[in-house]
């Protein structure tokens, strides 16, 4: 019989929870401690992890394996501990669940959250008009870009063969700083690309800076109206 299911920041040597919480940093680790009544001698305990409806991973512990390091009996009860360590940081959100089973019979479903890592500080830049910090005005996906790298036919949906254009409009005339776009599919890194604004020259009449970053191609930057 399952008595308690507790998320925590740590587990002690008996797999009991230390510092219970349901919110974790994106890089984890995420600990789950299951407390069972008595000392079961056999049975398979399984935990399946999901983000929204997307399967992440699973782990199974055998009650019979009392020396496995993830199961321990204390007094009359038994603790089973699970540890989830992301390969890369999880996206922030509260739609994470763990489904638990004993011998494929459901025990319960439990939720946890991933906290925001916080916004990265804006890039420091040199600006003819304002000086100091880059200010992003617009980020627009589009099917095409004009001569100034501004978007034509904005859209968030593209054909499988692409291309996929992303236009970033910054306030003022930026003369230094690194602009980077990192592309993901679900939690898997696809590619990234960067522009060094110091390597670009803007027209004298430009009052804003457009950058476009397209996976697998050479980025470009231009001045806009």
N, C-alpha and C. Protein backbone atom coordinates (compact mmCIF):
# COMPACT_ATOMS: atom_id res chain seq x y z
N UNK A 1 0.84 -1.20 0.00
CA UNK A 1 0.00 0.00 0.00
C UNK A 1 0.88 1.25 0.00
N UNK A 2 0.60 2.17 -0.93
CA UNK A 2 1.37 3.41 -1.00
C UNK A 2 0.84 4.39 0.03
N UNK A 3 1.74 4.89 0.88
CA UNK A 3 1.35 5.84 1.92
C UNK A 3 1.56 7.28 1.48
N UNK A 4 2.71 7.55 0.85
CA UNK A 4 3.04 8.92 0.46
C UNK A 4 3.86 8.93 -0.82
N UNK A 5 3.62 9.95 -1.63
CA UNK A 5 4.45 10.23 -2.81
C UNK A 5 4.92 11.67 -2.67
N UNK A 6 6.23 11.86 -2.54
CA UNK A 6 6.75 13.18 -2.20
C UNK A 6 7.89 13.57 -3.14
N UNK A 7 7.73 14.71 -3.83
CA UNK A 7 8.84 15.29 -4.57
C UNK A 7 9.74 16.04 -3.60
N UNK A 8 11.03 16.06 -3.89
CA UNK A 8 11.97 16.72 -2.97
C UNK A 8 13.22 17.15 -3.71
N UNK A 9 13.98 18.04 -3.07
CA UNK A 9 15.25 18.49 -3.64
C UNK A 9 16.38 17.51 -3.37
N UNK A 10 16.19 16.65 -2.37
CA UNK A 10 17.18 15.63 -2.06
C UNK A 10 16.46 14.42 -1.48
N UNK A 11 17.20 13.29 -1.45
CA UNK A 11 16.76 12.09 -0.73
C UNK A 11 17.86 11.71 0.25
N UNK A 12 17.45 11.22 1.42
CA UNK A 12 18.47 10.78 2.37
C UNK A 12 18.92 9.37 2.03
N UNK A 13 19.78 8.81 2.87
CA UNK A 13 20.34 7.49 2.57
C UNK A 13 19.29 6.40 2.59
N UNK A 14 18.11 6.69 3.17
CA UNK A 14 17.02 5.72 3.20
C UNK A 14 16.01 5.96 2.08
N UNK A 15 16.32 6.92 1.17
CA UNK A 15 15.44 7.30 0.06
C UNK A 15 14.21 8.08 0.53
N UNK A 16 14.22 8.55 1.77
CA UNK A 16 13.15 9.41 2.26
C UNK A 16 13.43 10.85 1.81
N UNK A 17 12.38 11.66 1.64
CA UNK A 17 12.56 13.01 1.09
C UNK A 17 13.21 13.98 2.06
N UNK A 18 14.06 14.86 1.51
CA UNK A 18 14.63 16.00 2.23
C UNK A 18 14.23 17.25 1.46
N UNK A 19 13.70 18.24 2.17
CA UNK A 19 13.27 19.51 1.58
C UNK A 19 12.21 19.27 0.49
N UNK A 20 11.03 18.79 0.89
CA UNK A 20 9.96 18.54 -0.09
C UNK A 20 9.61 19.79 -0.90
N UNK A 21 9.36 19.60 -2.16
CA UNK A 21 8.98 20.69 -3.07
C UNK A 21 8.34 20.09 -4.30
N UNK A 22 7.56 20.88 -5.00
CA UNK A 22 7.00 20.45 -6.27
C UNK A 22 7.50 21.34 -7.42
N UNK A 23 8.49 22.18 -7.12
CA UNK A 23 9.05 23.09 -8.13
C UNK A 23 10.56 22.91 -8.18
N UNK A 24 11.09 22.76 -9.40
CA UNK A 24 12.51 22.45 -9.57
C UNK A 24 13.13 23.37 -10.61
N UNK A 25 14.46 23.54 -10.56
CA UNK A 25 15.15 24.31 -11.60
C UNK A 25 15.18 23.53 -12.91
N UNK A 26 15.34 24.21 -14.05
CA UNK A 26 15.30 23.53 -15.35
C UNK A 26 16.32 22.41 -15.49
N UNK A 27 17.48 22.53 -14.84
CA UNK A 27 18.51 21.50 -14.99
C UNK A 27 18.35 20.36 -14.00
N UNK A 28 17.32 20.43 -13.11
CA UNK A 28 17.10 19.36 -12.16
C UNK A 28 18.17 19.31 -11.08
N UNK A 29 18.38 18.15 -10.43
CA UNK A 29 17.62 16.91 -10.57
C UNK A 29 16.26 16.99 -9.88
N UNK A 30 15.38 16.04 -10.23
CA UNK A 30 14.03 15.96 -9.68
C UNK A 30 13.92 14.63 -8.95
N UNK A 31 13.69 14.70 -7.65
CA UNK A 31 13.62 13.50 -6.83
C UNK A 31 12.17 13.20 -6.47
N UNK A 32 11.81 11.91 -6.50
CA UNK A 32 10.50 11.44 -6.08
C UNK A 32 10.69 10.28 -5.12
N UNK A 33 10.11 10.41 -3.93
CA UNK A 33 10.19 9.36 -2.92
C UNK A 33 8.81 8.76 -2.71
N UNK A 34 8.70 7.44 -2.85
CA UNK A 34 7.45 6.72 -2.61
C UNK A 34 7.59 5.92 -1.33
N UNK A 35 6.68 6.13 -0.39
CA UNK A 35 6.70 5.41 0.88
C UNK A 35 5.59 4.36 0.89
N UNK A 36 5.98 3.10 1.06
CA UNK A 36 5.04 1.99 1.08
C UNK A 36 4.91 1.43 2.50
N UNK A 37 3.72 1.00 2.82
CA UNK A 37 3.48 0.38 4.12
C UNK A 37 4.15 -1.00 4.18
N UNK A 38 4.80 -1.27 5.30
CA UNK A 38 5.40 -2.58 5.49
C UNK A 38 6.66 -2.78 4.70
N UNK A 39 6.98 -4.04 4.48
CA UNK A 39 8.20 -4.41 3.77
C UNK A 39 7.88 -5.39 2.64
N UNK A 40 7.40 -4.89 1.52
CA UNK A 40 7.08 -5.77 0.40
C UNK A 40 8.31 -6.57 -0.03
N UNK A 41 8.12 -7.83 -0.28
CA UNK A 41 9.25 -8.69 -0.66
C UNK A 41 9.39 -8.84 -2.17
N UNK A 42 8.35 -8.51 -2.91
CA UNK A 42 8.43 -8.64 -4.37
C UNK A 42 7.50 -7.62 -5.01
N UNK A 43 7.74 -7.37 -6.28
CA UNK A 43 6.93 -6.42 -7.03
C UNK A 43 7.81 -5.40 -7.73
N UNK A 44 7.32 -4.90 -8.85
CA UNK A 44 8.04 -3.91 -9.64
C UNK A 44 7.35 -2.56 -9.52
N UNK A 45 8.11 -1.57 -9.08
CA UNK A 45 7.60 -0.21 -8.96
C UNK A 45 8.13 0.60 -10.15
N UNK A 46 7.22 1.24 -10.87
CA UNK A 46 7.62 1.99 -12.08
C UNK A 46 7.13 3.42 -11.99
N UNK A 47 7.96 4.34 -12.46
CA UNK A 47 7.60 5.75 -12.59
C UNK A 47 7.80 6.18 -14.03
N UNK A 48 6.75 6.73 -14.65
CA UNK A 48 6.82 7.24 -16.02
C UNK A 48 6.66 8.75 -15.98
N UNK A 49 7.58 9.46 -16.63
CA UNK A 49 7.60 10.92 -16.61
C UNK A 49 7.08 11.48 -17.94
N UNK A 50 6.25 12.52 -17.83
CA UNK A 50 5.67 13.15 -19.02
C UNK A 50 5.74 14.67 -18.90
N UNK A 51 5.90 15.32 -20.06
CA UNK A 51 5.70 16.76 -20.16
C UNK A 51 4.51 16.97 -21.09
N UNK A 52 3.43 17.54 -20.55
CA UNK A 52 2.16 17.59 -21.26
C UNK A 52 1.80 16.14 -21.62
N UNK A 53 1.65 15.83 -22.89
CA UNK A 53 1.37 14.44 -23.28
C UNK A 53 2.61 13.74 -23.83
N UNK A 54 3.75 14.40 -23.73
CA UNK A 54 4.98 13.86 -24.31
C UNK A 54 5.74 13.01 -23.30
N UNK A 55 6.00 11.78 -23.67
CA UNK A 55 6.76 10.86 -22.82
C UNK A 55 8.21 11.32 -22.71
N UNK A 56 8.74 11.34 -21.49
CA UNK A 56 10.14 11.73 -21.26
C UNK A 56 11.00 10.50 -21.03
N UNK A 57 10.69 9.75 -19.98
CA UNK A 57 11.48 8.58 -19.64
C UNK A 57 10.74 7.79 -18.57
N UNK A 58 11.31 6.65 -18.18
CA UNK A 58 10.73 5.86 -17.10
C UNK A 58 11.84 5.11 -16.38
N UNK A 59 11.54 4.67 -15.18
CA UNK A 59 12.48 3.87 -14.39
C UNK A 59 11.68 2.87 -13.58
N UNK A 60 12.28 1.71 -13.33
CA UNK A 60 11.63 0.63 -12.59
C UNK A 60 12.54 0.14 -11.48
N UNK A 61 11.95 -0.13 -10.32
CA UNK A 61 12.66 -0.66 -9.16
C UNK A 61 11.98 -1.95 -8.72
N UNK A 62 12.78 -2.96 -8.42
CA UNK A 62 12.27 -4.25 -7.95
C UNK A 62 12.33 -4.27 -6.43
N UNK A 63 11.18 -4.50 -5.78
CA UNK A 63 11.18 -4.60 -4.32
C UNK A 63 12.17 -5.65 -3.82
N UNK A 64 12.40 -6.67 -4.61
CA UNK A 64 13.29 -7.75 -4.18
C UNK A 64 14.74 -7.30 -4.13
N UNK A 65 15.05 -6.21 -4.82
CA UNK A 65 16.43 -5.73 -4.89
C UNK A 65 16.68 -4.74 -3.77
N UNK A 66 16.76 -5.24 -2.56
CA UNK A 66 16.83 -4.36 -1.38
C UNK A 66 18.17 -3.65 -1.27
N UNK A 67 19.16 -4.05 -2.05
CA UNK A 67 20.48 -3.42 -1.98
C UNK A 67 20.77 -2.56 -3.20
N UNK A 68 19.72 -2.19 -3.92
CA UNK A 68 19.93 -1.47 -5.17
C UNK A 68 20.34 -0.02 -4.96
N UNK A 69 20.14 0.51 -3.77
CA UNK A 69 20.46 1.91 -3.53
C UNK A 69 19.31 2.84 -3.79
N UNK A 70 18.22 2.34 -4.35
CA UNK A 70 17.05 3.18 -4.58
C UNK A 70 15.85 2.67 -3.81
N UNK A 71 16.06 1.72 -2.92
CA UNK A 71 14.98 1.18 -2.11
C UNK A 71 15.53 0.85 -0.74
N UNK A 72 14.76 1.16 0.31
CA UNK A 72 15.25 0.94 1.66
C UNK A 72 14.08 0.79 2.61
N UNK A 73 14.18 -0.12 3.56
CA UNK A 73 13.14 -0.31 4.57
C UNK A 73 13.56 0.36 5.86
N UNK A 74 12.66 1.16 6.42
CA UNK A 74 12.91 1.85 7.67
C UNK A 74 11.76 1.52 8.61
N UNK A 75 12.06 0.86 9.72
CA UNK A 75 10.99 0.45 10.63
C UNK A 75 10.05 -0.50 9.93
N UNK A 76 8.79 -0.11 9.83
CA UNK A 76 7.80 -0.96 9.20
C UNK A 76 7.46 -0.53 7.78
N UNK A 77 8.10 0.52 7.29
CA UNK A 77 7.78 1.04 5.96
C UNK A 77 8.98 0.96 5.02
N UNK A 78 8.69 1.05 3.73
CA UNK A 78 9.71 0.94 2.70
C UNK A 78 9.68 2.17 1.81
N UNK A 79 10.84 2.76 1.56
CA UNK A 79 10.95 3.92 0.67
C UNK A 79 11.60 3.50 -0.65
N UNK A 80 11.01 3.97 -1.74
CA UNK A 80 11.58 3.79 -3.07
C UNK A 80 11.86 5.18 -3.64
N UNK A 81 13.09 5.41 -4.09
CA UNK A 81 13.47 6.72 -4.60
C UNK A 81 13.74 6.70 -6.09
N UNK A 82 13.27 7.74 -6.79
CA UNK A 82 13.53 7.92 -8.22
C UNK A 82 14.21 9.27 -8.43
N UNK A 83 15.17 9.30 -9.34
CA UNK A 83 15.89 10.53 -9.65
C UNK A 83 15.83 10.79 -11.15
N UNK A 84 15.34 11.97 -11.53
CA UNK A 84 15.31 12.37 -12.93
C UNK A 84 16.32 13.49 -13.14
N UNK A 85 17.33 13.24 -13.98
CA UNK A 85 18.36 14.22 -14.29
C UNK A 85 18.30 14.53 -15.79
N UNK A 86 17.81 15.71 -16.16
CA UNK A 86 17.65 16.04 -17.58
C UNK A 86 18.99 16.05 -18.32
N UNK A 87 18.96 15.60 -19.58
CA UNK A 87 20.15 15.72 -20.43
C UNK A 87 20.41 17.17 -20.78
N UNK A 88 19.33 17.95 -20.87
CA UNK A 88 19.43 19.38 -21.09
C UNK A 88 18.28 20.03 -20.32
N UNK A 89 18.37 21.32 -20.03
CA UNK A 89 17.35 21.94 -19.18
C UNK A 89 15.94 21.75 -19.72
N UNK A 90 15.00 21.49 -18.80
CA UNK A 90 13.60 21.37 -19.16
C UNK A 90 13.00 22.76 -19.35
N UNK A 91 12.02 22.90 -20.26
CA UNK A 91 11.32 24.18 -20.38
C UNK A 91 10.48 24.47 -19.15
N UNK A 92 10.35 25.74 -18.82
CA UNK A 92 9.55 26.13 -17.65
C UNK A 92 8.09 25.78 -17.89
N UNK A 93 7.40 25.42 -16.81
CA UNK A 93 5.97 25.11 -16.91
C UNK A 93 5.52 24.23 -15.78
N UNK A 94 4.20 24.05 -15.69
CA UNK A 94 3.63 23.24 -14.61
C UNK A 94 2.88 22.03 -15.14
N UNK A 95 3.21 21.60 -16.36
CA UNK A 95 2.50 20.50 -16.99
C UNK A 95 3.32 19.21 -17.01
N UNK A 96 4.09 19.01 -15.96
CA UNK A 96 4.89 17.79 -15.81
C UNK A 96 4.17 16.81 -14.89
N UNK A 97 4.13 15.54 -15.27
CA UNK A 97 3.47 14.53 -14.45
C UNK A 97 4.34 13.29 -14.34
N UNK A 98 4.12 12.55 -13.26
CA UNK A 98 4.73 11.23 -13.08
C UNK A 98 3.60 10.25 -12.80
N UNK A 99 3.52 9.22 -13.62
CA UNK A 99 2.55 8.15 -13.40
C UNK A 99 3.28 6.98 -12.74
N UNK A 100 2.74 6.48 -11.64
CA UNK A 100 3.40 5.41 -10.88
C UNK A 100 2.57 4.14 -10.90
N UNK A 101 3.29 3.01 -10.87
CA UNK A 101 2.65 1.70 -10.98
C UNK A 101 3.36 0.70 -10.07
N UNK A 102 2.64 -0.30 -9.63
CA UNK A 102 3.22 -1.50 -9.04
C UNK A 102 2.70 -2.69 -9.83
N UNK A 103 3.63 -3.44 -10.43
CA UNK A 103 3.26 -4.57 -11.28
C UNK A 103 2.24 -4.15 -12.34
N UNK A 104 2.48 -2.97 -12.92
CA UNK A 104 1.65 -2.39 -13.99
C UNK A 104 0.25 -1.97 -13.53
N UNK A 105 -0.02 -2.03 -12.23
CA UNK A 105 -1.28 -1.52 -11.70
C UNK A 105 -1.06 -0.07 -11.26
N UNK A 106 -1.91 0.86 -11.72
CA UNK A 106 -1.69 2.27 -11.39
C UNK A 106 -1.74 2.54 -9.89
N UNK A 107 -0.78 3.34 -9.44
CA UNK A 107 -0.77 3.81 -8.05
C UNK A 107 -1.32 5.23 -7.95
N UNK A 108 -0.88 6.08 -8.82
CA UNK A 108 -1.30 7.48 -8.80
C UNK A 108 -0.50 8.30 -9.78
N UNK A 109 -1.01 9.49 -10.07
CA UNK A 109 -0.34 10.43 -10.96
C UNK A 109 -0.05 11.70 -10.17
N UNK A 110 1.17 12.20 -10.28
CA UNK A 110 1.62 13.33 -9.46
C UNK A 110 2.25 14.38 -10.37
N UNK A 111 2.07 15.63 -10.02
CA UNK A 111 2.53 16.73 -10.86
C UNK A 111 3.67 17.50 -10.20
N UNK A 112 4.54 18.05 -11.04
CA UNK A 112 5.58 18.95 -10.56
C UNK A 112 5.79 20.05 -11.59
N UNK A 113 6.50 21.09 -11.20
CA UNK A 113 6.71 22.25 -12.06
C UNK A 113 8.20 22.51 -12.25
N UNK A 114 8.51 23.13 -13.38
CA UNK A 114 9.87 23.61 -13.65
C UNK A 114 9.83 25.13 -13.63
N UNK A 115 10.66 25.72 -12.79
CA UNK A 115 10.65 27.16 -12.65
C UNK A 115 11.39 27.82 -13.80
N UNK A 116 11.05 29.06 -14.05
CA UNK A 116 11.74 29.83 -15.08
C UNK A 116 13.16 30.10 -14.65
N UNK A 117 14.08 29.98 -15.59
CA UNK A 117 15.48 30.27 -15.29
C UNK A 117 15.75 31.75 -15.25
N UNK A 118 14.74 32.55 -15.62
CA UNK A 118 14.90 34.00 -15.63
C UNK A 118 15.38 34.49 -16.97
N UNK A 119 14.95 35.65 -17.34
CA UNK A 119 15.33 36.22 -18.64
C UNK A 119 16.81 36.56 -18.65
N UNK A 120 17.44 36.26 -19.76
CA UNK A 120 18.84 36.64 -19.91
C UNK A 120 18.94 38.16 -20.00
N UNK A 121 19.95 38.76 -19.43
CA UNK A 121 20.09 40.21 -19.55
C UNK A 121 20.31 40.60 -21.00
N UNK A 122 19.75 41.73 -21.44
CA UNK A 122 19.91 42.14 -22.84
C UNK A 122 21.37 42.38 -23.17
N UNK A 123 21.70 42.18 -24.44
CA UNK A 123 23.08 42.35 -24.88
C UNK A 123 23.48 43.81 -24.76
N UNK A 124 24.70 44.04 -24.30
CA UNK A 124 25.23 45.40 -24.27
C UNK A 124 25.70 45.77 -25.67
N UNK A 125 25.27 46.93 -26.14
CA UNK A 125 25.60 47.33 -27.50
C UNK A 125 26.00 48.79 -27.53
N UNK A 126 26.63 49.18 -28.65
CA UNK A 126 26.88 50.58 -28.92
C UNK A 126 25.85 51.04 -29.94
N UNK A 127 25.17 52.15 -29.65
CA UNK A 127 24.05 52.60 -30.45
C UNK A 127 24.24 54.07 -30.80
N UNK A 128 24.15 54.41 -32.10
CA UNK A 128 24.32 55.80 -32.51
C UNK A 128 23.29 56.72 -31.87
N UNK A 129 22.07 56.19 -31.64
CA UNK A 129 20.98 57.06 -31.22
C UNK A 129 20.76 57.07 -29.72
N UNK A 130 20.94 55.96 -29.04
CA UNK A 130 20.63 55.92 -27.62
C UNK A 130 21.80 55.48 -26.78
N UNK A 131 22.59 54.53 -27.26
CA UNK A 131 23.73 54.02 -26.51
C UNK A 131 23.28 53.11 -25.38
N UNK A 132 24.07 52.06 -25.11
CA UNK A 132 23.78 51.22 -23.94
C UNK A 132 23.25 49.87 -24.29
N UNK A 133 21.95 49.66 -24.10
CA UNK A 133 21.37 48.33 -24.13
C UNK A 133 20.49 48.13 -25.36
N UNK A 134 20.61 46.97 -25.99
CA UNK A 134 19.77 46.65 -27.14
C UNK A 134 18.33 46.49 -26.70
N UNK A 135 17.41 47.05 -27.49
CA UNK A 135 15.98 46.94 -27.21
C UNK A 135 15.34 46.23 -28.39
N UNK A 136 14.80 45.03 -28.15
CA UNK A 136 14.13 44.27 -29.20
C UNK A 136 12.71 44.80 -29.37
N UNK A 137 12.38 45.24 -30.59
CA UNK A 137 11.05 45.77 -30.86
C UNK A 137 10.10 44.68 -31.35
N UNK A 138 10.58 43.83 -32.25
CA UNK A 138 9.72 42.80 -32.83
C UNK A 138 10.54 41.56 -33.18
N UNK A 139 9.93 40.40 -33.03
CA UNK A 139 10.48 39.13 -33.50
C UNK A 139 9.40 38.48 -34.35
N UNK A 140 9.67 38.31 -35.64
CA UNK A 140 8.63 37.90 -36.58
C UNK A 140 9.11 36.78 -37.48
N UNK A 141 8.39 35.66 -37.49
CA UNK A 141 8.61 34.63 -38.49
C UNK A 141 7.90 35.06 -39.78
N UNK A 142 8.48 34.69 -40.93
CA UNK A 142 7.90 35.10 -42.20
C UNK A 142 8.32 34.15 -43.30
N UNK A 143 7.56 34.23 -44.42
CA UNK A 143 7.90 33.40 -45.58
C UNK A 143 8.99 34.05 -46.44
N UNK A 144 9.12 35.37 -46.33
CA UNK A 144 10.15 36.09 -47.08
C UNK A 144 10.64 37.27 -46.26
N UNK A 145 11.76 37.84 -46.68
CA UNK A 145 12.28 39.08 -46.10
C UNK A 145 12.57 40.06 -47.23
N UNK A 146 12.39 41.36 -46.93
CA UNK A 146 12.71 42.35 -47.95
C UNK A 146 14.19 42.70 -47.90
N UNK A 147 14.59 43.72 -48.67
CA UNK A 147 16.00 44.07 -48.77
C UNK A 147 16.59 44.55 -47.45
N UNK A 148 15.73 45.02 -46.54
CA UNK A 148 16.19 45.47 -45.23
C UNK A 148 16.12 44.37 -44.17
N UNK A 149 15.81 43.15 -44.58
CA UNK A 149 15.63 42.00 -43.70
C UNK A 149 14.35 42.10 -42.87
N UNK A 150 13.44 42.99 -43.25
CA UNK A 150 12.14 43.07 -42.58
C UNK A 150 11.22 41.99 -43.14
N UNK A 151 10.26 41.51 -42.33
CA UNK A 151 9.44 40.37 -42.75
C UNK A 151 8.43 40.71 -43.84
N UNK A 152 8.23 39.77 -44.75
CA UNK A 152 7.17 39.80 -45.74
C UNK A 152 6.32 38.55 -45.53
N UNK A 153 5.01 38.72 -45.50
CA UNK A 153 4.08 37.60 -45.29
C UNK A 153 4.37 36.87 -43.97
N UNK A 154 4.20 37.54 -42.84
CA UNK A 154 4.44 36.90 -41.53
C UNK A 154 3.59 35.65 -41.34
N UNK A 155 4.18 34.63 -40.73
CA UNK A 155 3.48 33.37 -40.47
C UNK A 155 4.22 32.61 -39.39
N UNK A 156 3.49 31.72 -38.70
CA UNK A 156 4.12 30.81 -37.74
C UNK A 156 4.11 29.37 -38.24
N UNK A 157 3.66 29.17 -39.49
CA UNK A 157 3.54 27.82 -40.04
C UNK A 157 4.31 27.74 -41.36
N UNK A 158 5.11 26.68 -41.51
CA UNK A 158 5.96 26.55 -42.68
C UNK A 158 5.87 25.14 -43.24
N UNK A 159 6.17 24.97 -44.55
CA UNK A 159 6.23 23.63 -45.13
C UNK A 159 7.44 22.87 -44.60
N UNK A 160 7.41 21.54 -44.66
CA UNK A 160 8.52 20.74 -44.12
C UNK A 160 9.87 21.09 -44.72
N UNK A 161 9.89 21.48 -45.99
CA UNK A 161 11.17 21.77 -46.64
C UNK A 161 11.66 23.19 -46.39
N UNK A 162 10.86 24.00 -45.68
CA UNK A 162 11.27 25.37 -45.37
C UNK A 162 11.24 26.26 -46.60
N UNK A 163 11.98 27.37 -46.63
CA UNK A 163 12.81 27.90 -45.54
C UNK A 163 11.99 28.57 -44.44
N UNK A 164 12.61 28.78 -43.29
CA UNK A 164 11.97 29.42 -42.14
C UNK A 164 12.77 30.67 -41.81
N UNK A 165 12.16 31.82 -41.97
CA UNK A 165 12.84 33.09 -41.72
C UNK A 165 12.40 33.67 -40.38
N UNK A 166 13.35 34.18 -39.63
CA UNK A 166 13.08 34.90 -38.39
C UNK A 166 13.73 36.27 -38.48
N UNK A 167 12.92 37.30 -38.39
CA UNK A 167 13.41 38.68 -38.46
C UNK A 167 13.32 39.32 -37.09
N UNK A 168 14.43 39.85 -36.61
CA UNK A 168 14.48 40.54 -35.32
C UNK A 168 14.71 42.03 -35.58
N UNK A 169 13.82 42.86 -35.07
CA UNK A 169 13.97 44.30 -35.24
C UNK A 169 14.38 44.93 -33.91
N UNK A 170 15.53 45.59 -33.91
CA UNK A 170 16.04 46.28 -32.72
C UNK A 170 15.91 47.79 -32.89
N UNK A 171 15.69 48.46 -31.79
CA UNK A 171 15.61 49.91 -31.80
C UNK A 171 17.00 50.51 -32.02
N UNK A 172 17.06 51.50 -32.89
CA UNK A 172 18.31 52.21 -33.09
C UNK A 172 19.28 51.50 -34.02
N UNK A 173 20.46 52.08 -34.11
CA UNK A 173 21.52 51.57 -34.98
C UNK A 173 22.54 50.84 -34.11
N UNK A 174 22.46 49.54 -34.07
CA UNK A 174 23.36 48.75 -33.23
C UNK A 174 24.68 48.52 -33.95
N UNK A 175 25.78 48.77 -33.25
CA UNK A 175 27.09 48.63 -33.87
C UNK A 175 27.95 47.55 -33.22
N UNK A 176 27.50 46.98 -32.11
CA UNK A 176 28.24 45.88 -31.50
C UNK A 176 27.28 45.00 -30.73
N UNK A 177 27.72 43.78 -30.46
CA UNK A 177 26.90 42.81 -29.75
C UNK A 177 26.73 41.54 -30.57
N UNK A 178 26.45 40.45 -29.91
CA UNK A 178 26.23 39.15 -30.56
C UNK A 178 24.75 38.80 -30.45
N UNK A 179 24.12 38.53 -31.59
CA UNK A 179 22.72 38.09 -31.62
C UNK A 179 22.73 36.61 -31.98
N UNK A 180 22.11 35.79 -31.15
CA UNK A 180 22.12 34.33 -31.34
C UNK A 180 20.70 33.79 -31.35
N UNK A 181 20.43 32.87 -32.26
CA UNK A 181 19.16 32.14 -32.29
C UNK A 181 19.47 30.66 -32.12
N UNK A 182 18.79 30.01 -31.19
CA UNK A 182 18.97 28.58 -30.92
C UNK A 182 17.66 27.88 -31.26
N UNK A 183 17.71 26.91 -32.15
CA UNK A 183 16.52 26.23 -32.65
C UNK A 183 16.35 24.87 -31.97
N UNK A 184 15.11 24.58 -31.54
CA UNK A 184 14.80 23.31 -30.89
C UNK A 184 13.58 22.67 -31.55
N UNK A 185 13.55 21.34 -31.55
CA UNK A 185 12.32 20.59 -31.82
C UNK A 185 12.00 19.84 -30.55
N UNK A 186 10.84 20.17 -29.93
CA UNK A 186 10.52 19.66 -28.60
C UNK A 186 11.68 20.04 -27.68
N UNK A 187 12.36 19.10 -27.07
CA UNK A 187 13.48 19.45 -26.20
C UNK A 187 14.83 19.19 -26.87
N UNK A 188 14.81 18.88 -28.17
CA UNK A 188 16.05 18.49 -28.86
C UNK A 188 16.63 19.68 -29.63
N UNK A 189 17.90 19.95 -29.37
CA UNK A 189 18.59 21.03 -30.07
C UNK A 189 18.75 20.67 -31.54
N UNK A 190 18.35 21.60 -32.43
CA UNK A 190 18.53 21.40 -33.86
C UNK A 190 19.83 22.05 -34.32
N UNK A 191 19.92 23.35 -34.11
CA UNK A 191 21.11 24.09 -34.51
C UNK A 191 21.06 25.47 -33.88
N UNK A 192 22.12 26.22 -34.03
CA UNK A 192 22.10 27.61 -33.61
C UNK A 192 22.95 28.43 -34.57
N UNK A 193 22.67 29.72 -34.62
CA UNK A 193 23.41 30.60 -35.51
C UNK A 193 23.52 31.97 -34.86
N UNK A 194 24.60 32.69 -35.16
CA UNK A 194 24.86 33.96 -34.49
C UNK A 194 25.31 35.02 -35.49
N UNK A 195 25.07 36.28 -35.12
CA UNK A 195 25.53 37.44 -35.88
C UNK A 195 26.34 38.33 -34.96
N UNK A 196 27.51 38.75 -35.41
CA UNK A 196 28.30 39.74 -34.69
C UNK A 196 28.02 41.10 -35.33
N UNK A 197 27.34 41.96 -34.60
CA UNK A 197 26.96 43.26 -35.15
C UNK A 197 28.17 44.12 -35.49
N UNK A 198 29.30 43.85 -34.86
CA UNK A 198 30.50 44.62 -35.15
C UNK A 198 31.01 44.37 -36.57
N UNK A 199 30.60 43.25 -37.16
CA UNK A 199 31.05 42.91 -38.51
C UNK A 199 30.13 43.45 -39.59
N UNK A 200 29.14 44.25 -39.22
CA UNK A 200 28.16 44.74 -40.19
C UNK A 200 28.25 46.25 -40.32
N UNK A 201 27.76 46.74 -41.45
CA UNK A 201 27.70 48.19 -41.70
C UNK A 201 26.27 48.55 -42.05
N UNK A 202 25.71 49.53 -41.33
CA UNK A 202 24.34 49.95 -41.57
C UNK A 202 24.31 51.20 -42.44
N UNK A 203 23.26 51.34 -43.26
CA UNK A 203 23.12 52.58 -44.03
C UNK A 203 22.99 53.79 -43.11
N UNK A 204 23.45 54.95 -43.57
CA UNK A 204 23.40 56.16 -42.75
C UNK A 204 21.98 56.53 -42.35
N UNK A 205 21.01 56.20 -43.20
CA UNK A 205 19.63 56.60 -42.94
C UNK A 205 18.89 55.63 -42.02
N UNK A 206 19.51 54.55 -41.64
CA UNK A 206 18.81 53.53 -40.85
C UNK A 206 18.48 54.05 -39.46
N UNK A 207 17.24 53.81 -39.02
CA UNK A 207 16.82 54.19 -37.67
C UNK A 207 16.54 52.98 -36.79
N UNK A 208 16.63 51.80 -37.36
CA UNK A 208 16.50 50.56 -36.59
C UNK A 208 17.35 49.50 -37.27
N UNK A 209 17.57 48.39 -36.56
CA UNK A 209 18.44 47.33 -37.05
C UNK A 209 17.64 46.04 -37.18
N UNK A 210 17.67 45.43 -38.38
CA UNK A 210 17.02 44.15 -38.60
C UNK A 210 18.08 43.06 -38.72
N UNK A 211 17.86 41.94 -38.01
CA UNK A 211 18.71 40.76 -38.15
C UNK A 211 17.82 39.61 -38.60
N UNK A 212 18.33 38.77 -39.48
CA UNK A 212 17.60 37.55 -39.74
C UNK A 212 18.51 36.36 -39.53
N UNK A 213 17.92 35.32 -38.94
CA UNK A 213 18.69 34.14 -38.58
C UNK A 213 17.92 32.92 -39.06
N UNK A 214 18.50 32.20 -39.99
CA UNK A 214 17.85 31.05 -40.59
C UNK A 214 18.74 29.83 -40.41
N UNK A 215 18.19 28.78 -39.84
CA UNK A 215 18.98 27.57 -39.57
C UNK A 215 19.63 27.07 -40.85
N UNK A 216 20.93 26.81 -40.77
CA UNK A 216 21.64 26.21 -41.88
C UNK A 216 22.10 27.19 -42.94
N UNK A 217 21.89 28.51 -42.73
CA UNK A 217 22.34 29.48 -43.72
C UNK A 217 23.14 30.57 -43.03
N UNK A 218 23.74 31.45 -43.83
CA UNK A 218 24.51 32.55 -43.27
C UNK A 218 23.57 33.65 -42.81
N UNK A 219 23.64 34.09 -41.55
CA UNK A 219 22.78 35.15 -41.07
C UNK A 219 23.08 36.47 -41.78
N UNK A 220 22.15 37.42 -41.67
CA UNK A 220 22.35 38.73 -42.27
C UNK A 220 21.80 39.80 -41.35
N UNK A 221 22.29 41.01 -41.53
CA UNK A 221 21.83 42.14 -40.73
C UNK A 221 21.73 43.35 -41.64
N UNK A 222 20.75 44.23 -41.35
CA UNK A 222 20.57 45.41 -42.18
C UNK A 222 19.91 46.50 -41.36
N UNK A 223 20.04 47.73 -41.84
CA UNK A 223 19.35 48.85 -41.22
C UNK A 223 17.98 49.01 -41.82
N UNK A 224 17.02 49.45 -41.00
CA UNK A 224 15.66 49.65 -41.47
C UNK A 224 15.20 51.06 -41.22
N UNK A 225 13.92 51.27 -41.56
CA UNK A 225 13.38 52.62 -41.40
C UNK A 225 13.15 52.92 -39.94
